[in-house]
């Protein structure tokens, strides 16, 4: 099933996307206490249930897709988790951009663990909306990623059991600010570059997500999905989820030993090679970024206008 969150006449609801349109879950619900959001659907364990499927039967009333505004499937996740460096070719291009050649004769999976960071829920942006250009960076980049949505509470779960904890998948764009204006005139300290990198992940709207949540049972092999990102129709990233260093099940398992994963938590599983920082080909105001992953649809957003004035570094005030 394709599950959506949408706005209609200023009211936000959740539904099942069919070829005929959207079946509104609360309206079609048989019995008391309908779920009013996809988070509630996940918390009740209904994401791929027969009960939910029956709501979308051939006689179900539908709402025309063109009459609603499709939102991110999980507009405000409890947690947005992300991985850095989960594709070998991306690790190589990042190393070369820094001026050294990184030899990877063996997969880093044999000698390392996933690199985890978090993004605030305010990063989530709806399909079709404009990505705000933050006032603290002049260099904005894109990162196509497969997003995993957790379906039930997950703690200390083995990789072999992890798939049963996944509700489904969506497309995400881990938008990144590759420089920070407040680094100017700053005294050099250890770890500043690392925290600058983290700051570059946290701006409002820096995680467009959507256009819908595809339930896990609809994806035959999550480790064999074609991925492509275009900027103004020009291909920038072209890869396959088979190229991940850490597979989806390994990622979910690893994170579950660090923290409890709750229904609706989103995990961005890393980006393949082809990002702008590798060549200096950053996004420009008005650029249209089109992200596609096989079976998950297309997520399109544009970058907003460049700020007229950037944030002045504290050292200059």
Protein backbone atom coordinates (compact mmCIF):
# COMPACT_ATOMS: atom_id res chain seq x y z
CA UNK A 1 0.00 0.00 0.00
CA UNK A 2 0.92 3.60 -0.49
CA UNK A 3 0.07 5.60 2.62
CA UNK A 4 -0.16 9.38 2.50
CA UNK A 5 -0.58 12.36 4.76
CA UNK A 6 -2.45 15.19 3.09
CA UNK A 7 -4.20 18.51 3.64
CA UNK A 8 -7.69 19.23 2.33
CA UNK A 9 -9.68 22.36 3.16
CA UNK A 10 -7.13 23.23 5.87
CA UNK A 11 -7.64 19.86 7.60
CA UNK A 12 -4.81 17.31 7.74
CA UNK A 13 -5.63 13.62 7.45
CA UNK A 14 -4.11 10.32 6.35
CA UNK A 15 -5.13 7.94 3.63
CA UNK A 16 -4.40 5.10 1.26
CA UNK A 17 -3.37 6.13 -2.23
CA UNK A 18 -5.05 4.02 -4.91
CA UNK A 19 -5.31 4.30 -8.69
CA UNK A 20 -8.72 5.94 -8.20
CA UNK A 21 -7.58 8.48 -5.63
CA UNK A 22 -7.11 8.68 -1.86
CA UNK A 23 -9.19 6.65 0.55
CA UNK A 24 -9.41 8.71 3.73
CA UNK A 25 -8.63 6.34 6.60
CA UNK A 26 -10.61 8.08 9.38
CA UNK A 27 -13.72 8.42 7.18
CA UNK A 28 -13.59 4.83 5.89
CA UNK A 29 -12.85 3.33 9.31
CA UNK A 30 -15.34 0.73 10.51
CA UNK A 31 -15.92 1.12 14.21
CA UNK A 32 -14.92 3.57 16.94
CA UNK A 33 -11.59 5.34 17.46
CA UNK A 34 -10.20 5.63 13.94
CA UNK A 35 -6.51 6.48 13.54
CA UNK A 36 -6.10 10.13 12.56
CA UNK A 37 -2.47 10.08 11.46
CA UNK A 38 0.01 7.66 9.97
CA UNK A 39 1.85 7.64 13.30
CA UNK A 40 -1.34 6.28 14.88
CA UNK A 41 -1.65 3.74 12.06
CA UNK A 42 1.88 2.54 12.79
CA UNK A 43 1.41 2.52 16.56
CA UNK A 44 -1.57 0.20 16.11
CA UNK A 45 0.41 -2.13 13.84
CA UNK A 46 -1.91 -1.53 10.91
CA UNK A 47 0.52 -0.44 8.18
CA UNK A 48 0.16 -3.66 6.16
CA UNK A 49 -2.87 -5.20 7.86
CA UNK A 50 -5.84 -6.78 6.12
CA UNK A 51 -8.05 -4.39 8.11
CA UNK A 52 -6.44 -1.42 6.40
CA UNK A 53 -6.49 -3.08 2.99
CA UNK A 54 -10.23 -3.69 3.23
CA UNK A 55 -10.76 0.05 3.61
CA UNK A 56 -9.34 0.55 0.13
CA UNK A 57 -11.64 -1.94 -1.58
CA UNK A 58 -13.19 -1.25 -5.01
CA UNK A 59 -16.32 0.32 -3.49
CA UNK A 60 -14.46 2.71 -1.20
CA UNK A 61 -15.07 6.42 -1.68
CA UNK A 62 -12.01 8.29 -2.88
CA UNK A 63 -10.72 11.84 -2.99
CA UNK A 64 -9.09 13.10 -6.17
CA UNK A 65 -5.36 13.46 -5.72
CA UNK A 66 -5.41 16.82 -7.51
CA UNK A 67 -7.81 18.23 -4.92
CA UNK A 68 -5.42 17.84 -1.97
CA UNK A 69 -1.96 18.93 -0.90
CA UNK A 70 0.26 15.90 -0.30
CA UNK A 71 2.47 16.33 2.77
CA UNK A 72 5.48 14.39 4.00
CA UNK A 73 4.12 10.98 5.07
CA UNK A 74 5.47 11.51 8.61
CA UNK A 75 5.37 15.31 8.99
CA UNK A 76 6.97 15.42 12.46
CA UNK A 77 8.83 12.21 13.32
CA UNK A 78 9.92 11.63 16.87
CA UNK A 79 13.43 11.08 15.54
CA UNK A 80 15.12 11.64 12.20
CA UNK A 81 18.28 9.52 12.14
CA UNK A 82 20.79 9.51 9.33
CA UNK A 83 23.97 7.75 8.24
CA UNK A 84 27.13 9.37 6.95
CA UNK A 85 29.26 7.47 4.47
CA UNK A 86 27.15 4.40 3.67
CA UNK A 87 28.25 4.09 0.01
CA UNK A 88 31.91 3.38 -0.76
CA UNK A 89 32.01 5.57 -3.87
CA UNK A 90 30.65 8.51 -1.90
CA UNK A 91 33.34 7.99 0.75
CA UNK A 92 35.98 8.00 -2.00
CA UNK A 93 34.70 11.18 -3.66
CA UNK A 94 34.53 12.95 -0.30
CA UNK A 95 38.12 11.94 0.45
CA UNK A 96 39.35 13.12 -2.95
CA UNK A 97 37.58 16.45 -2.44
CA UNK A 98 39.68 16.87 0.71
CA UNK A 99 42.88 16.18 -1.22
CA UNK A 100 43.77 12.58 -0.48
CA UNK A 101 43.20 9.24 -2.14
CA UNK A 102 41.37 6.75 0.05
CA UNK A 103 42.08 3.15 -0.88
CA UNK A 104 39.18 0.85 -0.09
CA UNK A 105 40.27 -2.60 -1.13
CA UNK A 106 37.86 -4.17 1.36
CA UNK A 107 34.39 -3.04 2.35
CA UNK A 108 34.43 -0.73 5.39
CA UNK A 109 31.70 -2.99 6.74
CA UNK A 110 34.41 -5.48 7.70
CA UNK A 111 36.28 -3.02 9.91
CA UNK A 112 33.91 -0.24 10.97
CA UNK A 113 30.39 0.51 12.22
CA UNK A 114 27.74 2.90 10.85
CA UNK A 115 28.25 6.62 11.46
CA UNK A 116 25.07 7.96 13.00
CA UNK A 117 23.84 11.54 13.34
CA UNK A 118 20.46 13.11 13.99
CA UNK A 119 18.43 15.76 12.19
CA UNK A 120 15.69 17.74 13.97
CA UNK A 121 12.07 17.12 13.05
CA UNK A 122 11.92 20.70 11.70
CA UNK A 123 14.06 19.45 8.81
CA UNK A 124 11.12 17.56 7.31
CA UNK A 125 9.71 19.28 4.20
CA UNK A 126 6.69 18.38 2.10
CA UNK A 127 6.88 17.24 -1.52
CA UNK A 128 6.76 20.11 -4.00
CA UNK A 129 7.69 22.76 -1.46
CA UNK A 130 10.60 25.19 -1.59
CA UNK A 131 13.71 24.37 0.41
CA UNK A 132 14.62 27.46 2.47
CA UNK A 133 18.17 28.68 1.87
CA UNK A 134 19.60 29.17 5.39
CA UNK A 135 21.28 32.45 6.24
CA UNK A 136 24.41 30.75 7.57
CA UNK A 137 25.71 29.04 4.40
CA UNK A 138 26.57 29.99 0.82
CA UNK A 139 26.99 26.41 -0.46
CA UNK A 140 23.93 24.14 -0.55
CA UNK A 141 24.07 20.50 -1.65
CA UNK A 142 21.70 17.58 -2.25
CA UNK A 143 21.83 13.94 -1.07
CA UNK A 144 19.37 11.36 -2.38
CA UNK A 145 18.60 8.74 0.28
CA UNK A 146 16.33 5.79 0.98
CA UNK A 147 14.28 6.55 4.10
CA UNK A 148 13.23 3.71 6.40
CA UNK A 149 10.18 4.24 8.61
CA UNK A 150 9.97 2.22 11.81
CA UNK A 151 6.70 0.41 12.44
CA UNK A 152 6.96 -0.73 16.04
CA UNK A 153 9.08 -0.21 19.13
CA UNK A 154 12.52 -1.64 18.43
CA UNK A 155 15.22 -2.21 21.03
CA UNK A 156 18.29 -4.49 20.86
CA UNK A 157 16.96 -6.27 17.78
CA UNK A 158 19.05 -8.65 15.69
CA UNK A 159 19.48 -7.90 12.00
CA UNK A 160 17.56 -11.08 11.15
CA UNK A 161 14.52 -9.72 13.03
CA UNK A 162 14.85 -6.09 11.93
CA UNK A 163 12.68 -6.32 8.77
CA UNK A 164 9.61 -7.15 10.88
CA UNK A 165 10.08 -3.81 12.65
CA UNK A 166 10.02 -1.76 9.44
CA UNK A 167 6.70 -0.22 8.39
CA UNK A 168 7.87 0.90 4.98
CA UNK A 169 10.04 3.15 2.86
CA UNK A 170 10.05 6.62 1.31
CA UNK A 171 12.41 8.95 -0.52
CA UNK A 172 14.42 11.54 1.38
CA UNK A 173 16.79 14.31 0.34
CA UNK A 174 19.39 14.99 3.03
CA UNK A 175 20.01 18.59 1.98
CA UNK A 176 23.34 19.84 3.32
CA UNK A 177 25.01 23.19 3.87
CA UNK A 178 28.65 22.61 2.93
CA UNK A 179 30.02 25.74 4.59
CA UNK A 180 29.07 27.96 7.52
CA UNK A 181 29.51 31.72 7.56
CA UNK A 182 30.23 31.77 11.28
CA UNK A 183 33.55 30.01 10.68
CA UNK A 184 34.98 33.34 9.51
CA UNK A 185 37.58 34.85 11.87
CA UNK A 186 37.05 32.00 14.30
CA UNK A 187 39.91 30.72 16.40
CA UNK A 188 40.93 27.26 15.24
CA UNK A 189 39.90 24.50 17.63
CA UNK A 190 39.79 20.70 17.41
CA UNK A 191 36.49 19.30 16.10
CA UNK A 192 35.23 22.62 14.69
CA UNK A 193 35.07 21.19 11.17
CA UNK A 194 33.05 18.22 12.40
CA UNK A 195 30.51 20.43 14.16
CA UNK A 196 30.33 22.71 11.11
CA UNK A 197 29.41 19.64 9.09
CA UNK A 198 26.71 18.74 11.63
CA UNK A 199 25.36 22.31 11.66
CA UNK A 200 25.05 22.00 7.90
CA UNK A 201 22.52 19.20 8.32
CA UNK A 202 20.11 20.91 10.67
CA UNK A 203 18.49 23.79 8.81
CA UNK A 204 14.71 24.01 8.52
CA UNK A 205 13.40 22.09 5.51
CA UNK A 206 16.66 20.21 4.97
CA UNK A 207 14.98 16.80 4.75
CA UNK A 208 12.28 16.76 2.06
CA UNK A 209 10.46 13.44 2.29
CA UNK A 210 7.77 11.64 0.32
CA UNK A 211 5.73 11.55 -1.74
CA UNK A 212 4.23 8.67 0.22
CA UNK A 213 5.11 5.75 2.48
CA UNK A 214 5.24 2.43 0.64
CA UNK A 215 4.61 -0.44 3.04
CA UNK A 216 7.46 -2.90 3.41
CA UNK A 217 5.47 -5.82 2.02
CA UNK A 218 5.28 -4.02 -1.36
CA UNK A 219 9.09 -3.95 -1.78
CA UNK A 220 10.44 -7.35 -2.87
CA UNK A 221 14.12 -6.51 -2.27
CA UNK A 222 15.00 -3.25 -0.57
CA UNK A 223 18.67 -3.90 -1.36
CA UNK A 224 18.10 -3.79 -5.10
CA UNK A 225 16.35 -0.51 -5.90
CA UNK A 226 17.47 1.92 -8.60
CA UNK A 227 18.12 5.46 -7.37
CA UNK A 228 18.47 8.67 -9.36
CA UNK A 229 18.69 12.37 -8.60
CA UNK A 230 18.35 15.09 -11.22
CA UNK A 231 18.94 18.81 -10.92
CA UNK A 232 17.04 20.71 -13.62
CA UNK A 233 16.73 17.40 -15.54
CA UNK A 234 20.52 16.75 -15.48
CA UNK A 235 21.44 13.46 -13.77
CA UNK A 236 23.69 14.02 -10.76
CA UNK A 237 23.30 10.73 -8.85
CA UNK A 238 22.65 7.31 -10.41
CA UNK A 239 23.02 4.30 -8.13
CA UNK A 240 21.39 1.27 -6.54
CA UNK A 241 20.64 0.42 -2.92
CA UNK A 242 22.69 -2.75 -3.46
CA UNK A 243 25.76 -0.50 -3.15
CA UNK A 244 25.11 0.24 0.52
CA UNK A 245 27.93 -0.67 2.88
CA UNK A 246 25.50 -1.46 5.69
CA UNK A 247 22.21 -3.01 4.60
CA UNK A 248 18.90 -1.71 5.89
CA UNK A 249 18.48 -4.59 8.36
CA UNK A 250 21.99 -4.04 9.74
CA UNK A 251 21.32 -0.31 10.16
CA UNK A 252 18.04 -0.83 12.05
CA UNK A 253 19.66 -3.43 14.27
CA UNK A 254 22.70 -1.28 15.04
CA UNK A 255 20.62 1.78 15.92
CA UNK A 256 18.29 -0.28 18.11
CA UNK A 257 21.23 -1.15 20.38
CA UNK A 258 22.00 2.56 20.80
CA UNK A 259 18.44 3.78 21.41
CA UNK A 260 14.82 2.68 21.30
CA UNK A 261 13.30 3.20 17.86
CA UNK A 262 9.64 4.21 17.97
CA UNK A 263 6.85 3.92 15.39
CA UNK A 264 7.24 6.73 12.88
CA UNK A 265 10.95 7.26 13.43
CA UNK A 266 12.73 7.92 10.14
CA UNK A 267 16.16 6.59 9.20
CA UNK A 268 17.96 8.10 6.20
CA UNK A 269 20.34 5.39 5.03
CA UNK A 270 23.10 7.42 3.35
CA UNK A 271 23.70 8.87 -0.09
CA UNK A 272 25.57 7.47 -3.10
CA UNK A 273 28.26 9.30 -5.06
CA UNK A 274 27.57 12.33 -7.24
CA UNK A 275 26.99 15.02 -4.63
CA UNK A 276 27.84 18.61 -5.43
CA UNK A 277 30.64 19.01 -2.91
CA UNK A 278 32.77 16.49 -4.82
CA UNK A 279 32.98 18.82 -7.84
CA UNK A 280 32.02 22.19 -6.38
CA UNK A 281 28.83 22.08 -8.42
CA UNK A 282 26.49 23.27 -5.67
CA UNK A 283 22.81 24.07 -5.98
CA UNK A 284 21.68 27.47 -7.17
CA UNK A 285 18.57 29.42 -6.24
CA UNK A 286 15.56 28.10 -8.15
CA UNK A 287 17.14 24.73 -8.96
CA UNK A 288 14.62 21.88 -9.21
CA UNK A 289 15.80 18.71 -7.45
CA UNK A 290 14.03 15.53 -8.56
CA UNK A 291 14.67 12.39 -6.49
CA UNK A 292 13.46 8.96 -7.56
CA UNK A 293 13.80 5.48 -6.10
CA UNK A 294 12.38 2.43 -7.81
CA UNK A 295 8.91 1.63 -6.47
CA UNK A 296 8.80 4.70 -4.23
CA UNK A 297 7.78 7.40 -6.67
CA UNK A 298 9.36 10.79 -7.31
CA UNK A 299 10.11 13.55 -4.79
CA UNK A 300 10.55 17.03 -6.27
CA UNK A 301 11.51 20.26 -4.53
CA UNK A 302 13.15 23.55 -5.50
CA UNK A 303 15.79 25.55 -3.69
CA UNK A 304 14.60 28.91 -2.47
CA UNK A 305 16.20 32.31 -3.08
CA UNK A 306 19.69 33.05 -1.86
CA UNK A 307 19.56 35.30 1.24
CA UNK A 308 20.28 38.96 0.64
CA UNK A 309 22.28 39.05 3.84
CA UNK A 310 24.06 36.16 5.54
CA UNK A 311 24.51 35.60 9.24
CA UNK A 312 27.56 37.44 10.54
CA UNK A 313 29.99 35.32 12.56
CA UNK A 314 30.08 36.01 16.28
CA UNK A 315 33.81 36.74 16.08
CA UNK A 316 33.01 39.71 13.80
CA UNK A 317 30.30 41.23 15.98
